[in-house]
Protein backbone atom coordinates (compact mmCIF):
# COMPACT_ATOMS: atom_id res chain seq x y z
CA MET A 1 -0.08 -0.17 -0.04
CA LYS A 2 2.54 2.49 0.70
CA GLY A 3 3.22 4.27 -1.84
CA THR A 4 0.18 4.20 -3.64
CA ASN A 5 -2.22 7.08 -4.93
CA VAL A 6 -5.33 6.96 -3.75
CA THR A 7 -8.36 9.62 -3.64
CA ILE A 8 -9.87 9.79 -0.79
CA THR A 9 -13.28 11.37 0.97
CA GLY A 10 -13.67 12.25 4.58
CA ILE A 11 -14.19 14.65 7.65
CA VAL A 12 -11.43 16.75 8.44
CA ILE A 13 -10.69 16.29 12.40
CA PRO A 14 -7.49 17.63 14.49
CA ALA A 15 -5.33 15.11 15.39
CA ASP A 16 -2.59 16.88 17.81
CA TRP A 17 -1.62 19.78 19.31
CA ASP A 18 0.92 22.25 20.46
CA LYS A 19 2.38 23.37 23.86
CA HIS A 20 -0.79 26.14 23.98
CA GLY A 21 -3.34 24.08 22.69
CA ASN A 22 -2.94 25.01 18.77
CA VAL A 23 -3.47 22.19 16.34
CA VAL A 24 -0.78 21.13 14.10
CA ALA A 25 -1.61 17.85 12.06
CA MET A 26 -4.56 16.68 10.79
CA THR A 27 -6.92 13.49 9.98
CA ILE A 28 -8.97 12.81 7.33
CA VAL A 29 -11.76 9.89 8.39
CA THR A 30 -13.63 8.11 5.76
CA ASN A 31 -17.19 6.91 6.03
CA SER A 32 -16.13 3.92 6.94
CA PHE A 33 -13.89 4.79 9.55
CA GLU A 34 -10.19 4.54 7.58
CA LYS A 35 -8.07 7.41 8.68
CA TYR A 36 -5.25 9.21 7.21
CA LEU A 37 -2.97 11.39 9.54
CA VAL A 38 -2.06 14.26 6.19
CA THR A 39 1.89 14.72 6.80
CA ASN A 40 2.03 17.92 4.73
CA ASP A 41 2.42 21.32 7.10
CA ALA A 42 1.64 23.69 4.86
CA ILE A 43 -1.62 21.26 3.48
CA ASN A 44 -2.33 20.88 7.46
CA SER A 45 -2.73 24.89 8.18
CA LYS A 46 -5.26 25.11 4.83
CA LEU A 47 -7.38 22.14 6.47
CA ALA A 48 -7.16 23.73 9.76
CA CYS A 49 -9.94 25.89 9.20
CA LEU A 50 -12.02 23.01 7.91
CA VAL A 51 -12.35 21.08 11.10
CA ASP A 52 -15.51 19.10 10.71
CA LYS A 53 -16.03 19.80 6.95
CA GLN A 54 -16.07 17.14 4.22
CA VAL A 55 -13.39 17.09 1.66
CA SER A 56 -11.88 15.00 -1.37
CA ALA A 57 -8.28 14.61 -0.65
CA LYS A 58 -5.74 13.28 -3.78
CA GLY A 59 -2.02 12.03 -2.24
CA LEU A 60 0.22 9.22 -1.92
CA ILE A 61 0.53 6.61 1.07
CA ALA A 62 3.95 7.35 3.00
CA GLY A 63 3.09 4.20 5.68
CA GLU A 64 1.36 3.72 8.72
CA ASP A 65 1.41 5.38 12.02
CA LEU A 66 1.85 2.93 15.55
CA PHE A 67 -1.97 2.27 15.31
CA GLY A 68 -2.47 1.11 11.94
CA ASN A 69 -3.44 4.08 10.80
CA LYS A 70 -2.70 5.68 7.24
CA ILE A 71 -0.48 8.03 6.29
CA LEU A 72 -1.35 10.50 3.27
CA GLU A 73 0.91 13.42 1.83
CA VAL A 74 -1.92 15.15 0.17
CA HIS A 75 -0.87 16.94 -3.15
CA GLU A 76 -4.37 18.69 -3.14
CA PHE A 77 -7.92 18.77 -1.91
CA LYS A 78 -11.28 20.20 -2.36
CA VAL A 79 -14.17 21.00 -0.01
CA CYS A 80 -17.28 18.49 -0.97
CA ASN A 81 -20.13 20.62 -1.44
CA THR A 82 -22.91 19.05 0.85
CA ASN A 83 -25.82 21.09 0.36
CA LYS A 84 -28.68 19.08 -1.37
């Protein structure tokens, strides 16, 4: 799976905070409850304002963390239109 290009859709949630309570890492959780930890700092800062929003993200699987969650190097993302 490592090195695989993927496109995922899911909800953005915070994954880690610094000692001041600022979000420093984001995770995208899919409808099937798979968690993808986002590795790019530049993308993380853009996703921080999209907490609880649904996004579609394209990127490369960089590996897994200690808990078996996939690590995703996001190359691009867009906010999904959830209006029906």
